[in-house]
């Protein structure tokens, strides 16, 4: 082809391999207990009196990060109509 320049891009790929050890932790049994909440919460005010405890009922330890969702629902079921109010994240040790 006259007047055409063909170029080939050169790509260098570097691979690195390392051994890792994956531990499969024994299962824990986290149970939510002692839930307290006010009967009424007014729009614009905090609902800081909502409290609960998460207890490990297993002999195996629970370690990692726990995220608890707080929902507003018209009934006692967690379904698609429930509104997520917030998430509390904590470190389990």
Protein backbone atom coordinates (compact mmCIF):
# COMPACT_ATOMS: atom_id res chain seq x y z
CA UNK A 1 0.00 0.00 0.00
CA UNK A 2 1.50 3.23 -1.04
CA UNK A 3 1.45 6.12 1.49
CA UNK A 4 0.16 3.95 4.36
CA UNK A 5 2.14 3.36 7.54
CA UNK A 6 1.29 0.28 9.54
CA UNK A 7 2.33 0.22 13.19
CA UNK A 8 2.15 -2.61 15.66
CA UNK A 9 1.74 -1.66 19.31
CA UNK A 10 4.02 -3.54 21.67
CA UNK A 11 2.54 -4.46 25.04
CA UNK A 12 4.54 -5.84 27.92
CA UNK A 13 2.71 -8.01 30.42
CA UNK A 14 4.29 -8.74 33.77
CA UNK A 15 2.90 -11.56 35.87
CA UNK A 16 3.53 -12.03 39.56
CA UNK A 17 2.59 -15.13 41.53
CA UNK A 18 2.36 -15.48 45.30
CA UNK A 19 1.11 -18.18 47.63
CA UNK A 20 -1.72 -17.17 49.93
CA UNK A 21 -3.41 -19.05 52.73
CA UNK A 22 -7.19 -18.92 52.97
CA UNK A 23 -8.76 -19.76 56.32
CA UNK A 24 -12.32 -20.98 56.56
CA UNK A 25 -13.62 -19.67 59.90
CA UNK A 26 -15.92 -21.79 61.98
CA UNK A 27 -19.53 -20.52 61.85
CA UNK A 28 -20.81 -18.17 64.51
CA UNK A 29 -24.46 -17.69 65.47
CA UNK A 30 -25.32 -13.99 65.73
CA UNK A 31 -28.73 -13.27 67.25
CA UNK A 32 -30.40 -9.87 67.65
CA UNK A 33 -31.87 -9.42 71.14
CA UNK A 34 -33.24 -6.74 73.47
CA UNK A 35 -34.65 -4.46 70.77
CA UNK A 36 -36.07 -1.22 72.12
CA UNK A 37 -37.62 1.57 70.09
CA UNK A 38 -39.94 4.47 70.83
CA UNK A 39 -43.63 4.20 69.95
CA UNK A 40 -43.48 7.52 68.10
CA UNK A 41 -40.75 9.33 66.19
CA UNK A 42 -41.42 12.77 64.73
CA UNK A 43 -40.19 13.83 61.31
CA UNK A 44 -37.01 15.88 61.61
CA UNK A 45 -36.03 14.45 65.00
CA UNK A 46 -33.43 11.75 65.58
CA UNK A 47 -34.43 8.27 66.61
CA UNK A 48 -31.42 7.85 68.86
CA UNK A 49 -33.32 5.79 71.42
CA UNK A 50 -33.49 2.77 69.10
CA UNK A 51 -31.22 0.14 70.64
CA UNK A 52 -30.45 -3.54 70.19
CA UNK A 53 -27.83 -6.10 71.07
CA UNK A 54 -26.19 -8.63 68.77
CA UNK A 55 -25.00 -11.65 70.73
CA UNK A 56 -22.97 -14.59 69.53
CA UNK A 57 -24.73 -17.76 70.68
CA UNK A 58 -21.97 -20.02 69.34
CA UNK A 59 -18.81 -21.22 71.06
CA UNK A 60 -16.97 -20.08 67.93
CA UNK A 61 -15.79 -16.49 67.92
CA UNK A 62 -17.25 -13.90 65.57
CA UNK A 63 -14.74 -11.52 64.02
CA UNK A 64 -15.05 -9.08 61.16
CA UNK A 65 -17.43 -6.29 60.23
CA UNK A 66 -21.14 -6.32 60.99
CA UNK A 67 -23.66 -4.05 59.25
CA UNK A 68 -27.10 -3.71 60.86
CA UNK A 69 -29.89 -2.13 58.81
CA UNK A 70 -32.63 -0.13 60.52
CA UNK A 71 -35.92 -0.21 58.60
CA UNK A 72 -39.28 1.52 58.93
CA UNK A 73 -42.12 -0.86 58.13
CA UNK A 74 -45.92 -0.80 58.27
CA UNK A 75 -45.94 -4.38 59.55
CA UNK A 76 -43.65 -6.89 61.25
CA UNK A 77 -42.21 -8.21 57.97
CA UNK A 78 -39.14 -7.01 56.14
CA UNK A 79 -40.42 -6.75 52.58
CA UNK A 80 -40.06 -4.42 49.59
CA UNK A 81 -42.26 -1.77 51.22
CA UNK A 82 -39.91 -1.29 54.21
CA UNK A 83 -37.81 1.90 54.12
CA UNK A 84 -34.13 1.76 55.06
CA UNK A 85 -33.48 4.49 57.64
CA UNK A 86 -29.81 3.81 58.18
CA UNK A 87 -27.02 1.30 58.59
CA UNK A 88 -24.86 0.89 61.68
CA UNK A 89 -21.51 -0.74 60.97
CA UNK A 90 -19.31 -2.07 63.75
CA UNK A 91 -16.21 -4.16 64.17
CA UNK A 92 -16.67 -7.57 65.76
CA UNK A 93 -13.73 -8.75 67.83
